[in-house]
Structures are given as structure tokens and as C-alpha cells.
Amino acid sequence: MVTVVTQFVSALLDPRSMSGGQAPGQLPMLTAMLSLVRNEFDRVTGARDAAAPAGGTAFGQRATSSATVDPTKQHVLVIGVDGTNLSRILADPDNVNFLALMNTSTTGPSSIVGHTTISNPSWTSILTGAWGERTGVVNNVFTPWTYDTWPTVFNQLEALDSDIQTMAVANWDVINGIAGAGALPVDRNLFVAQVEGDTNWLATDDDVADLTIDAIAGQNAPNFLFSYFVGVDENGHMYGGASQEYEDAITNMDENLGAIMNAVALREKATGEDWTIMVVTDHGHQPQVGFGHGFQSPDETETFVIVDGPGFGDGYVNRQYEIVDTTPTVLTLFGGAPRAASDGVPLQTLGFGFLPTNLVEALEEAIAENTSPDLVTSLVLGIRTIFTTIPYYVYGADAGLPDFLAGPGKVLLDGLYVATNVPAQIVAFLTGVTGARLFPLLPPPAPNFPPANGGVLYPAPAIVA
């Protein structure tokens, strides 16, 4: 079977192996479409400068130096909030903790237009510093081998200094899988299972916040802590991004954010430490119930990066920030240097941004300027999403099968996974994913972590995307 697949792929991906029997114009048309997608990818990953847009007081680029940094004395907290539109946060003045944080931070109203708006590719970009087109992550199937080639922020910090204490708290096991992957995994990895009866995931998000606060308040707080919350995204899938339930999930996240920020403030007061806090999302959400995200509408590509800490201005806006800058920024804060292969850059190198007269209005104006890519890019990336989503749904289809069907069901589904993943990887490669790969052919084992919160370990929800 491996030989057959290899020959099949070679025939498709290597023009030299093709006979002259293809339809006239087939390869030129494919090349032209791929060129358009690659041009869009090059545009969104091109060099960035520190120039500030109009609308406030601009400040130039700051120099950075890590010569005197003791990495074991640094404290950085990154909060990941899945599937959260900044525009929805800003629309509700009751989100007082988000607004308070932005008033003491620099906020980047970013967009991932031209990139897939699916969770695992985006979180891998956030946690490695490389876009999904290069890492090869195209859907929500956790592929542990990815992080041997593209080390995570945890791997890079551990390599920088093994005395740096790292920790992850997450209520999606794929995040725990990423944190535990690579040669030097996270020191402490807490998976928060869905609380029994918590159909909207908000109580489960609360458990993530509680464990995060416990870690911050503990005698030996981690130097680097990544906390991930899935509740907003889940409600976007179930009810739509314009729903009351989505708004309520953001409100719940706002309350958890306030509690976490209070814990940091109390620790700083007690110890004299000066923490850096980053808040980031992976994608936005369609307003209506449906796919949720995965395509290229401005609602789906809307992202943000918020940074509060030494060297970042209060109430500033920097439109150069991108989510892929997260890991390079963290490495720099610990005195390290980003990998040469990183697509992201340290936010410290992108200037102060600008200080608007009205922060909320400035952010809303920036978000309003988000656009979709050209029609061909939208179409091609949409095709990629459709093809690569199919093996993901096959991958999780055996969850909940009765014991007597588990064995034969797995054999059948493994075969179906291979049958759907092979064309998915080919489509991914042809649409600009240079990191696409076919081997190993069989699906990887799903992440498996004991719950840290005593929750009931339900099958991973298919709606997480």
C-alpha cells in the first residue's frame, strides 16, 4: 500500500513523472492558482516595519537587549482564548477586565487573512512562531512529529535554560499534546476535562482559571505559564458569533481574566516580580451558526494580540503585531533569540505603535479595515479547508464506540483516514502548504491526559475547530 501511495503522489506532485496525457492547460492553470495563493502568503508574511498609522501619537522602534536577563527570574503568562472576536469584546462595555488590560497594554488588532482559520494550525503558529503553511499543520489532528521539526515555545525555553519552569493548563487536549511534544516538553502539563453537565463549557473554563490562579499564587510559580480557554469558541460553534451565548461566554472569560490579573497583581506586590501578560486568539467566528470558521471572511480572520509588561506602552495600538509573533516575543523576554526559521518576530522590535485619543474607537477602526483576500485565494483556501477537514472528522469518529465494535471500527476508520488524508495532504501541498506530508500513513494516537480538575473525561467534541 505504501508503494502504491508513493507512486500515486509522485505522479501528482512531480511534473517530471507525468506523461503528456494531461488536459491542455491543466498544469499552467494549477501553477497559476498556486502562484496566486503563494503571492498572498508572501504578502501576509512579508517584512514588517514599525511605521504607525494615522490616528494617534507615533513612537519609533525601540532597541532590545537581553544581555543582562536572568531567565530563571522572568515571569511570562500567555492566555489563549480560542475563537474570540476582538470586535465582540469591544462592543460590550461590561467587559471591564479586557478593557482595563488593554488600557495598560499595547494591543494589536491583527488578522490572519491568507492563512487557514482553523484552531490547530493557528495555535501551532502561536506556539512555534511558524505559520501552518510551513509546519504542515492543516487541521485539528494532533501530529506529534510536527514539533520535532518545529519546536514549541516550551521546547525552546527548556533548551535555553533547563531551570526555566514551564507549565500549560488547557481544556482542549490538542493544546496539551503540543505542550508535551518535542524533545524538551513542558515541565507541568494540566489537562482540564469538560465538567459533567457543563454543556456550554463555561464551568470548565472556570476550572482552567482556577488552576491558573493556583499556579500564580503558589510558592514556586512557573516562569512561563500558558493557559488556554475553549469556551468562547464552543459557544460560537453551537450558537454563532453574534449570539447571546457567545457574548455570555466572552463575559465569563472577562471575569476569569479579571481574577487572573488580580492574582498576578497580588503576587507582584508580595514578591516584587514584574510579570509580562499576553492574551491572544487563534481566529474569529462567523456571526451565524454554521461552519464557525475555516474560511476567509473578515469575521473569521480577525485576531488580536494584547501585551502588558515592561517595555510595552499603556493604551497603545500596534497594527504590526501578529499572532505568530508570540513565541519569538516570549523567547526574547527570557533573553533568548528566535529561531532563524521563525516567521514571527519579537514584538519588542516592532516599535511602540501609537497612542490613540480613544482606544476603543481606534481598535474598531482598524478591525473595520480587515478585508477578504482576492477571490481565487479565498476559493483555493476554502477548498483546502474542506479537503483537510474530512480526515479530521474521520479521525475522531471512533470515540464512544461500544467495546465490541472498537477493534473492527478502528481498522475501518484507520483505512478511511488514510483514504481521505492522502488527497487532503495533496490538496494542501498544491495550495501552498510546503510542510504537507503523507507519512506516517496511519493516524497518530489521540492525546491522552488524565484530568487535572476531576472532570468527566468526555470524548473530544467534534465542534472544536
Protein backbone atom coordinates (compact mmCIF):
# COMPACT_ATOMS: atom_id res chain seq x y z
CA MET A 1 0.00 0.00 0.00
CA VAL A 2 2.85 2.38 0.84
CA THR A 3 4.39 1.76 -2.58
CA VAL A 4 1.10 2.44 -4.34
CA VAL A 5 0.55 5.67 -2.42
CA THR A 6 4.13 6.81 -3.05
CA GLN A 7 3.82 6.23 -6.79
CA PHE A 8 0.44 7.96 -6.84
CA VAL A 9 1.76 11.02 -5.04
CA SER A 10 4.87 11.19 -7.19
CA ALA A 11 2.73 11.19 -10.29
CA LEU A 12 0.69 14.09 -8.94
CA LEU A 13 3.37 16.23 -7.33
CA ASP A 14 6.34 15.71 -9.64
CA PRO A 15 5.67 17.12 -13.13
CA ARG A 16 8.68 15.26 -14.47
CA SER A 17 6.96 11.93 -13.81
CA MET A 18 3.82 12.89 -15.72
CA SER A 19 3.14 11.73 -19.24
CA GLY A 20 1.94 14.14 -21.86
CA GLY A 21 -1.64 12.96 -21.45
CA GLN A 22 -2.92 15.70 -19.13
CA ALA A 23 -5.60 18.04 -20.39
CA PRO A 24 -4.26 21.10 -22.24
CA GLY A 25 -3.67 23.93 -19.79
CA GLN A 26 -4.10 21.71 -16.73
CA LEU A 27 -0.66 22.33 -15.26
CA PRO A 28 -0.44 26.01 -16.24
CA MET A 29 -3.84 26.60 -14.62
CA LEU A 30 -2.78 24.79 -11.46
CA THR A 31 0.51 26.68 -11.41
CA ALA A 32 -1.28 29.99 -11.82
CA MET A 33 -3.68 29.25 -8.96
CA LEU A 34 -0.84 28.13 -6.73
CA SER A 35 1.12 31.25 -7.64
CA LEU A 36 -1.75 33.47 -6.56
CA VAL A 37 -2.00 31.69 -3.23
CA ARG A 38 1.76 31.86 -2.70
CA ASN A 39 1.71 35.57 -3.56
CA GLU A 40 -0.94 36.10 -0.89
CA PHE A 41 1.11 34.06 1.58
CA ASP A 42 4.21 36.10 0.78
CA ARG A 43 2.21 39.30 1.21
CA VAL A 44 0.93 38.45 4.66
CA THR A 45 4.29 37.08 5.83
CA GLY A 46 6.42 39.82 4.30
CA ALA A 47 8.75 42.10 6.18
CA ARG A 48 7.05 44.41 8.62
CA ASP A 49 8.21 47.81 9.72
CA ALA A 50 7.38 49.87 12.75
CA ALA A 51 5.55 52.65 10.93
CA ALA A 52 2.44 53.68 12.80
CA PRO A 53 -0.87 54.53 11.10
CA ALA A 54 -2.54 57.85 11.50
CA GLY A 55 -4.87 58.42 14.43
CA GLY A 56 -2.61 58.98 17.39
CA THR A 57 0.86 59.82 18.63
CA ALA A 58 3.51 57.66 16.96
CA PHE A 59 6.71 56.42 18.55
CA GLY A 60 9.71 54.85 16.90
CA GLN A 61 11.32 51.46 17.18
CA ARG A 62 12.95 50.57 20.47
CA ALA A 63 16.19 48.74 20.85
CA THR A 64 16.20 45.46 22.75
CA SER A 65 18.95 43.86 24.77
CA SER A 66 18.88 40.53 26.55
CA ALA A 67 22.48 40.58 27.81
CA THR A 68 21.53 41.03 31.46
CA VAL A 69 18.39 38.87 31.56
CA ASP A 70 18.33 36.04 34.10
CA PRO A 71 15.77 33.67 32.54
CA THR A 72 15.03 31.99 35.85
CA LYS A 73 13.84 35.33 37.27
CA GLN A 74 11.42 36.13 34.45
CA HIS A 75 7.68 35.51 34.61
CA VAL A 76 5.52 35.43 31.49
CA LEU A 77 1.85 34.44 31.30
CA VAL A 78 0.25 33.82 27.91
CA ILE A 79 -3.54 33.45 27.93
CA GLY A 80 -5.04 31.79 24.86
CA VAL A 81 -8.73 32.47 24.25
CA ASP A 82 -9.97 30.33 21.38
CA GLY A 83 -12.17 31.76 18.62
CA THR A 84 -12.70 35.22 20.10
CA ASN A 85 -13.51 38.31 18.05
CA LEU A 86 -11.94 41.48 19.41
CA SER A 87 -14.85 43.40 17.90
CA ARG A 88 -17.27 41.47 20.13
CA ILE A 89 -15.15 42.24 23.20
CA LEU A 90 -15.11 45.94 22.37
CA ALA A 91 -18.85 46.03 21.65
CA ASP A 92 -19.75 45.27 25.27
CA PRO A 93 -18.62 47.90 27.82
CA ASP A 94 -19.26 45.36 30.58
CA ASN A 95 -16.08 43.53 29.54
CA VAL A 96 -14.30 45.72 32.06
CA ASN A 97 -11.31 43.46 32.61
CA PHE A 98 -10.42 43.15 28.93
CA LEU A 99 -10.77 46.92 28.61
CA ALA A 100 -8.71 47.57 31.73
CA LEU A 101 -5.98 45.27 30.46
CA MET A 102 -5.91 47.00 27.07
CA ASN A 103 -5.59 50.35 28.82
CA THR A 104 -2.35 49.16 30.45
CA SER A 105 -1.12 47.24 27.38
CA THR A 106 -0.24 47.50 23.73
CA THR A 107 -2.94 45.89 21.59
CA GLY A 108 -2.50 44.54 18.08
CA PRO A 109 -5.81 44.25 16.16
CA SER A 110 -4.35 41.67 13.82
CA SER A 111 -5.68 39.48 11.02
CA ILE A 112 -4.64 36.07 9.69
CA VAL A 113 -6.06 36.71 6.23
CA GLY A 114 -4.37 34.39 3.75
CA HIS A 115 -3.91 31.70 6.40
CA THR A 116 -6.24 28.88 7.38
CA THR A 117 -8.68 29.89 10.14
CA ILE A 118 -8.62 26.53 11.93
CA SER A 119 -7.54 26.14 15.54
CA ASN A 120 -4.65 23.67 15.46
CA PRO A 121 -2.80 25.40 12.59
CA SER A 122 -3.17 28.75 14.35
CA TRP A 123 -2.23 27.51 17.83
CA THR A 124 0.77 25.74 16.35
CA SER A 125 1.76 29.05 14.75
CA ILE A 126 1.32 30.81 18.10
CA LEU A 127 3.28 28.16 20.00
CA THR A 128 6.12 27.70 17.47
CA GLY A 129 6.47 31.03 15.66
CA ALA A 130 5.91 29.49 12.21
CA TRP A 131 2.83 29.64 10.01
CA GLY A 132 0.87 26.49 9.24
CA GLU A 133 1.91 26.61 5.60
CA ARG A 134 5.40 25.71 6.75
CA THR A 135 4.68 23.47 9.75
CA GLY A 136 2.26 21.40 7.67
CA VAL A 137 -0.50 21.53 10.29
CA VAL A 138 -3.71 21.84 8.28
CA ASN A 139 -6.47 20.57 10.57
CA ASN A 140 -7.15 19.58 14.17
CA VAL A 141 -5.44 16.19 14.05
CA PHE A 142 -2.59 16.32 16.57
CA THR A 143 0.62 15.26 14.79
CA PRO A 144 3.39 14.90 17.40
CA TRP A 145 6.15 14.63 14.80
CA THR A 146 5.49 18.23 13.72
CA TYR A 147 7.20 19.54 16.84
CA ASP A 148 10.40 17.59 16.23
CA THR A 149 10.95 19.86 13.23
CA TRP A 150 9.21 22.94 14.61
CA PRO A 151 10.00 23.14 18.33
CA THR A 152 7.43 24.75 20.58
CA VAL A 153 7.94 27.69 22.90
CA PHE A 154 8.24 25.13 25.70
CA ASN A 155 10.97 23.23 23.84
CA GLN A 156 12.84 26.43 23.06
CA LEU A 157 12.69 27.73 26.63
CA GLU A 158 13.84 24.40 28.05
CA ALA A 159 16.73 24.39 25.56
CA LEU A 160 17.63 27.95 26.55
CA ASP A 161 17.85 27.06 30.25
CA SER A 162 16.63 23.85 31.82
CA ASP A 163 15.97 25.73 35.06
CA ILE A 164 13.16 27.72 33.42
CA GLN A 165 9.95 26.26 34.86
CA THR A 166 7.22 25.89 32.25
CA MET A 167 3.56 24.98 32.65
CA ALA A 168 0.47 24.55 30.48
CA VAL A 169 -3.19 24.48 31.55
CA ALA A 170 -5.74 23.75 28.84
CA ASN A 171 -9.23 22.36 28.29
CA TRP A 172 -8.51 21.08 24.78
CA ASP A 173 -6.22 18.07 24.79
CA VAL A 174 -4.58 19.04 21.50
CA ILE A 175 -3.02 22.01 23.30
CA ASN A 176 -1.72 19.66 26.00
CA GLY A 177 -0.42 17.43 23.22
CA ILE A 178 1.51 20.33 21.68
CA ALA A 179 2.90 21.34 25.08
CA GLY A 180 4.04 17.78 25.74
CA ALA A 181 5.59 17.22 22.31
CA GLY A 182 9.15 17.66 21.15
CA ALA A 183 12.47 16.72 22.69
CA LEU A 184 12.11 19.01 25.74
CA PRO A 185 8.43 19.12 26.68
CA VAL A 186 6.67 21.36 29.17
CA ASP A 187 7.53 20.70 32.83
CA ARG A 188 3.94 20.58 34.09
CA ASN A 189 1.03 19.81 31.78
CA LEU A 190 -2.53 20.05 33.17
CA PHE A 191 -5.47 18.91 31.08
CA VAL A 192 -8.86 20.21 32.22
CA ALA A 193 -11.65 17.83 31.21
CA GLN A 194 -15.17 19.02 30.49
CA VAL A 195 -17.11 19.30 33.74
CA GLU A 196 -20.07 16.93 33.90
CA GLY A 197 -23.24 18.68 32.77
CA ASP A 198 -21.32 21.75 31.57
CA THR A 199 -22.84 21.89 28.11
CA ASN A 200 -21.61 25.41 27.36
CA TRP A 201 -18.06 24.83 28.68
CA LEU A 202 -18.09 27.90 30.93
CA ALA A 203 -17.65 25.96 34.19
CA THR A 204 -14.80 24.11 32.52
CA ASP A 205 -13.23 27.44 31.56
CA ASP A 206 -13.60 28.43 35.22
CA ASP A 207 -11.57 25.37 36.19
CA VAL A 208 -8.79 26.48 33.83
CA ALA A 209 -8.82 29.89 35.51
CA ASP A 210 -8.75 28.36 39.00
CA LEU A 211 -5.74 26.17 38.17
CA THR A 212 -4.03 29.16 36.57
CA ILE A 213 -4.59 31.26 39.69
CA ASP A 214 -3.34 28.42 41.90
CA ALA A 215 -0.14 28.27 39.84
CA ILE A 216 0.40 32.03 40.03
CA ALA A 217 -0.23 32.13 43.77
CA GLY A 218 1.90 29.08 44.52
CA GLN A 219 5.24 29.23 46.25
CA ASN A 220 7.05 28.14 43.09
CA ALA A 221 5.17 29.90 40.32
CA PRO A 222 6.26 28.86 36.83
CA ASN A 223 8.48 31.18 34.85
CA PHE A 224 6.34 30.59 31.77
CA LEU A 225 2.66 29.71 32.00
CA PHE A 226 0.33 29.14 29.06
CA SER A 227 -3.38 28.92 29.89
CA TYR A 228 -5.90 28.03 27.20
CA PHE A 229 -9.69 28.55 27.27
CA VAL A 230 -12.06 26.89 24.77
CA GLY A 231 -15.45 28.17 25.98
CA VAL A 232 -15.89 31.15 23.66
CA ASP A 233 -15.13 29.05 20.58
CA GLU A 234 -17.50 26.29 21.67
CA ASN A 235 -20.37 28.74 22.01
CA GLY A 236 -19.54 30.25 18.64
CA HIS A 237 -19.90 26.82 17.07
CA MET A 238 -23.11 25.98 18.91
CA TYR A 239 -24.89 29.32 18.59
CA GLY A 240 -22.95 31.64 16.25
CA GLY A 241 -20.62 34.56 16.87
CA ALA A 242 -23.48 37.07 17.03
CA SER A 243 -25.44 35.08 19.62
CA GLN A 244 -26.19 35.93 23.22
CA GLU A 245 -24.45 32.72 24.23
CA TYR A 246 -21.23 33.83 22.52
CA GLU A 247 -21.49 37.19 24.28
CA ASP A 248 -22.06 35.42 27.60
CA ALA A 249 -19.00 33.25 27.04
CA ILE A 250 -16.88 36.36 26.47
CA THR A 251 -18.34 37.87 29.65
CA ASN A 252 -17.40 34.72 31.55
CA MET A 253 -13.90 34.91 30.09
CA ASP A 254 -13.72 38.56 31.11
CA GLU A 255 -14.50 37.59 34.71
CA ASN A 256 -11.83 34.88 34.63
CA LEU A 257 -9.35 37.34 33.13
CA GLY A 258 -10.04 39.76 35.98
CA ALA A 259 -9.43 37.06 38.58
CA ILE A 260 -6.17 36.02 36.91
CA MET A 261 -4.95 39.62 36.63
CA ASN A 262 -5.77 40.15 40.30
CA ALA A 263 -3.71 37.08 41.20
CA VAL A 264 -0.77 38.44 39.21
CA ALA A 265 -1.10 41.85 40.90
CA LEU A 266 -1.14 40.26 44.36
CA ARG A 267 1.94 38.19 43.56
CA GLU A 268 3.80 41.18 42.13
CA LYS A 269 3.02 43.16 45.29
CA ALA A 270 4.18 40.34 47.55
CA THR A 271 7.36 39.41 45.67
CA GLY A 272 8.42 42.47 43.69
CA GLU A 273 8.23 40.46 40.46
CA ASP A 274 7.19 42.17 37.25
CA TRP A 275 5.15 39.84 35.07
CA THR A 276 4.50 40.12 31.35
CA ILE A 277 0.98 39.11 30.31
CA MET A 278 -0.04 38.31 26.75
CA VAL A 279 -3.56 37.50 25.57
CA VAL A 280 -4.01 36.02 22.10
CA THR A 281 -6.66 34.30 20.00
CA ASP A 282 -6.33 31.95 17.05
CA HIS A 283 -9.17 33.13 14.79
CA GLY A 284 -12.58 34.78 14.89
CA HIS A 285 -16.07 33.47 14.25
CA GLN A 286 -18.82 33.77 11.68
CA PRO A 287 -21.84 35.58 13.17
CA GLN A 288 -24.27 32.84 12.17
CA VAL A 289 -24.47 29.18 13.15
CA GLY A 290 -22.68 27.08 10.56
CA PHE A 291 -19.05 26.20 9.98
CA GLY A 292 -18.00 28.76 12.57
CA HIS A 293 -14.66 29.41 10.88
CA GLY A 294 -12.21 27.87 8.46
CA PHE A 295 -12.71 30.31 5.62
CA GLN A 296 -11.57 33.86 4.80
CA SER A 297 -14.30 36.29 5.84
CA PRO A 298 -13.04 39.22 7.96
CA ASP A 299 -15.04 37.86 10.91
CA GLU A 300 -13.07 34.61 10.73
CA THR A 301 -9.61 36.08 10.10
CA GLU A 302 -9.96 38.66 12.92
CA THR A 303 -7.39 38.06 15.66
CA PHE A 304 -5.63 40.05 18.35
CA VAL A 305 -2.52 40.20 20.49
CA ILE A 306 -2.51 42.12 23.80
CA VAL A 307 0.75 42.61 25.72
CA ASP A 308 1.14 44.13 29.19
CA GLY A 309 4.59 44.29 30.70
CA PRO A 310 7.88 46.15 30.95
CA GLY A 311 8.66 47.95 27.71
CA PHE A 312 5.09 47.98 26.37
CA GLY A 313 3.06 51.19 26.45
CA ASP A 314 -0.24 51.73 28.25
CA GLY A 315 -3.21 52.08 25.92
CA TYR A 316 -1.15 51.82 22.75
CA VAL A 317 -2.13 50.26 19.44
CA ASN A 318 0.35 48.50 17.17
CA ARG A 319 -1.04 47.24 13.89
CA GLN A 320 2.18 45.40 13.06
CA TYR A 321 1.54 42.69 15.66
CA GLU A 322 0.63 39.18 14.50
CA ILE A 323 -0.22 36.05 16.44
CA VAL A 324 2.84 34.25 15.03
CA ASP A 325 4.99 36.74 16.97
CA THR A 326 4.04 35.19 20.31
CA THR A 327 6.82 32.63 20.65
CA PRO A 328 9.64 34.92 19.40
CA THR A 329 8.44 37.54 21.89
CA VAL A 330 8.49 35.09 24.78
CA LEU A 331 11.97 33.84 23.85
CA THR A 332 13.26 37.41 23.77
CA LEU A 333 11.74 38.18 27.17
CA PHE A 334 13.74 35.27 28.59
CA GLY A 335 16.96 36.50 27.00
CA GLY A 336 16.89 34.08 24.10
CA ALA A 337 16.76 34.63 20.37
CA PRO A 338 14.03 33.49 17.97
CA ARG A 339 14.88 30.61 15.67
CA ALA A 340 16.17 31.66 12.28
CA ALA A 341 13.29 29.73 10.72
CA SER A 342 10.64 31.74 12.57
CA ASP A 343 8.02 33.63 10.60
CA GLY A 344 7.22 35.70 13.67
CA VAL A 345 9.38 38.41 15.15
CA PRO A 346 9.73 39.71 18.71
CA LEU A 347 7.07 42.33 19.30
CA GLN A 348 9.79 44.34 21.00
CA THR A 349 11.29 45.04 17.55
CA LEU A 350 8.10 46.46 16.03
CA GLY A 351 8.10 49.83 17.73
CA PHE A 352 5.74 51.25 20.30
CA GLY A 353 2.88 51.75 17.84
CA PHE A 354 0.71 54.76 18.50
CA LEU A 355 -1.26 56.21 21.37
CA PRO A 356 -4.83 56.91 20.21
CA THR A 357 -7.04 59.57 21.69
CA ASN A 358 -9.77 56.92 22.02
CA LEU A 359 -8.52 53.35 22.31
CA VAL A 360 -11.79 51.54 21.59
CA GLU A 361 -12.55 53.68 18.53
CA ALA A 362 -9.02 53.20 17.18
CA LEU A 363 -9.27 49.43 17.52
CA GLU A 364 -12.73 49.33 15.96
CA GLU A 365 -11.49 51.41 13.02
CA ALA A 366 -8.58 49.03 12.50
CA ILE A 367 -10.87 45.99 12.61
CA ALA A 368 -13.24 47.62 10.11
CA GLU A 369 -10.38 47.77 7.60
CA ASN A 370 -9.97 43.98 7.57
CA THR A 371 -10.83 42.55 4.18
CA SER A 372 -11.06 39.19 2.48
CA PRO A 373 -8.24 38.14 0.14
CA ASP A 374 -8.76 38.02 -3.61
CA LEU A 375 -11.43 35.68 -4.93
CA VAL A 376 -9.04 32.98 -6.14
CA THR A 377 -7.19 32.84 -2.82
CA SER A 378 -10.49 32.64 -0.93
CA LEU A 379 -11.65 29.83 -3.21
CA VAL A 380 -8.40 27.87 -3.02
CA LEU A 381 -8.12 28.17 0.77
CA GLY A 382 -11.76 27.18 1.06
CA ILE A 383 -11.05 24.05 -0.96
CA ARG A 384 -8.11 23.32 1.34
CA THR A 385 -10.34 23.66 4.41
CA ILE A 386 -12.96 21.29 3.00
CA PHE A 387 -10.48 18.60 1.98
CA THR A 388 -8.42 18.75 5.18
CA THR A 389 -11.43 18.79 7.49
CA ILE A 390 -12.72 15.43 6.23
CA PRO A 391 -9.89 13.29 7.70
CA TYR A 392 -10.22 15.20 10.97
CA TYR A 393 -13.84 14.12 11.36
CA VAL A 394 -12.92 10.56 10.40
CA TYR A 395 -10.09 10.70 12.95
CA GLY A 396 -12.46 11.25 15.86
CA ALA A 397 -15.31 9.06 14.66
CA ASP A 398 -14.39 6.04 16.80
CA ALA A 399 -14.94 7.91 20.07
CA GLY A 400 -17.80 6.38 22.01
CA LEU A 401 -18.00 3.13 20.03
CA PRO A 402 -19.09 0.16 22.17
CA ASP A 403 -16.30 -2.21 23.13
CA PHE A 404 -17.34 -4.97 20.74
CA LEU A 405 -17.05 -2.54 17.81
CA ALA A 406 -13.89 -0.76 18.93
CA GLY A 407 -11.45 -3.16 17.24
CA PRO A 408 -13.07 -3.59 13.82
CA GLY A 409 -14.25 0.01 13.91
CA LYS A 410 -10.71 1.26 14.36
CA VAL A 411 -9.44 -0.84 11.45
CA LEU A 412 -12.18 0.52 9.21
CA LEU A 413 -11.70 4.12 10.31
CA ASP A 414 -7.92 3.92 10.01
CA GLY A 415 -8.35 2.86 6.40
CA LEU A 416 -10.86 5.62 5.81
CA TYR A 417 -8.49 8.12 7.41
CA VAL A 418 -5.71 7.12 5.02
CA ALA A 419 -8.11 7.29 2.07
CA THR A 420 -9.18 10.83 2.98
CA ASN A 421 -5.89 12.16 4.34
CA VAL A 422 -3.86 11.32 1.23
CA PRO A 423 -5.91 13.61 -1.05
CA ALA A 424 -6.13 16.18 1.75
CA GLN A 425 -2.34 16.39 2.00
CA ILE A 426 -2.03 16.61 -1.78
CA VAL A 427 -4.55 19.46 -1.89
CA ALA A 428 -2.73 21.15 0.99
CA PHE A 429 0.58 20.95 -0.87
CA LEU A 430 -0.95 22.24 -4.08
CA THR A 431 -2.48 25.18 -2.21
CA GLY A 432 0.74 26.40 -0.64
CA VAL A 433 1.40 24.14 2.38
CA THR A 434 5.06 23.34 1.85
CA GLY A 435 5.10 21.31 5.06
CA ALA A 436 2.38 18.90 3.91
CA ARG A 437 3.35 15.25 4.37
CA LEU A 438 1.81 11.83 3.85
CA PHE A 439 3.85 9.72 6.22
CA PRO A 440 3.23 8.21 8.66
CA LEU A 441 0.20 6.99 6.74
CA LEU A 442 -1.82 5.77 9.70
CA PRO A 443 -3.44 8.28 12.06
CA PRO A 444 -1.47 9.23 15.16
CA PRO A 445 -2.82 8.29 18.57
CA ALA A 446 -5.07 10.92 20.10
CA PRO A 447 -3.69 12.91 23.03
CA ASN A 448 -4.48 11.21 26.32
CA PHE A 449 -4.07 13.09 29.58
CA PRO A 450 -5.66 12.40 32.97
CA PRO A 451 -7.99 15.23 34.03
CA ALA A 452 -6.42 17.68 36.46
CA ASN A 453 -9.79 19.00 37.60
CA GLY A 454 -11.66 15.80 38.44
CA GLY A 455 -13.98 16.36 35.50
CA VAL A 456 -15.65 13.64 33.47
CA LEU A 457 -13.49 12.75 30.51
CA TYR A 458 -15.90 13.02 27.59
CA PRO A 459 -14.87 12.26 24.01
CA ALA A 460 -13.24 15.31 22.46
CA PRO A 461 -16.02 17.43 20.92
CA ALA A 462 -16.05 17.50 17.14
CA ILE A 463 -17.17 21.12 17.21
CA VAL A 464 -13.75 22.32 18.30
CA ALA A 465 -12.19 23.59 15.09
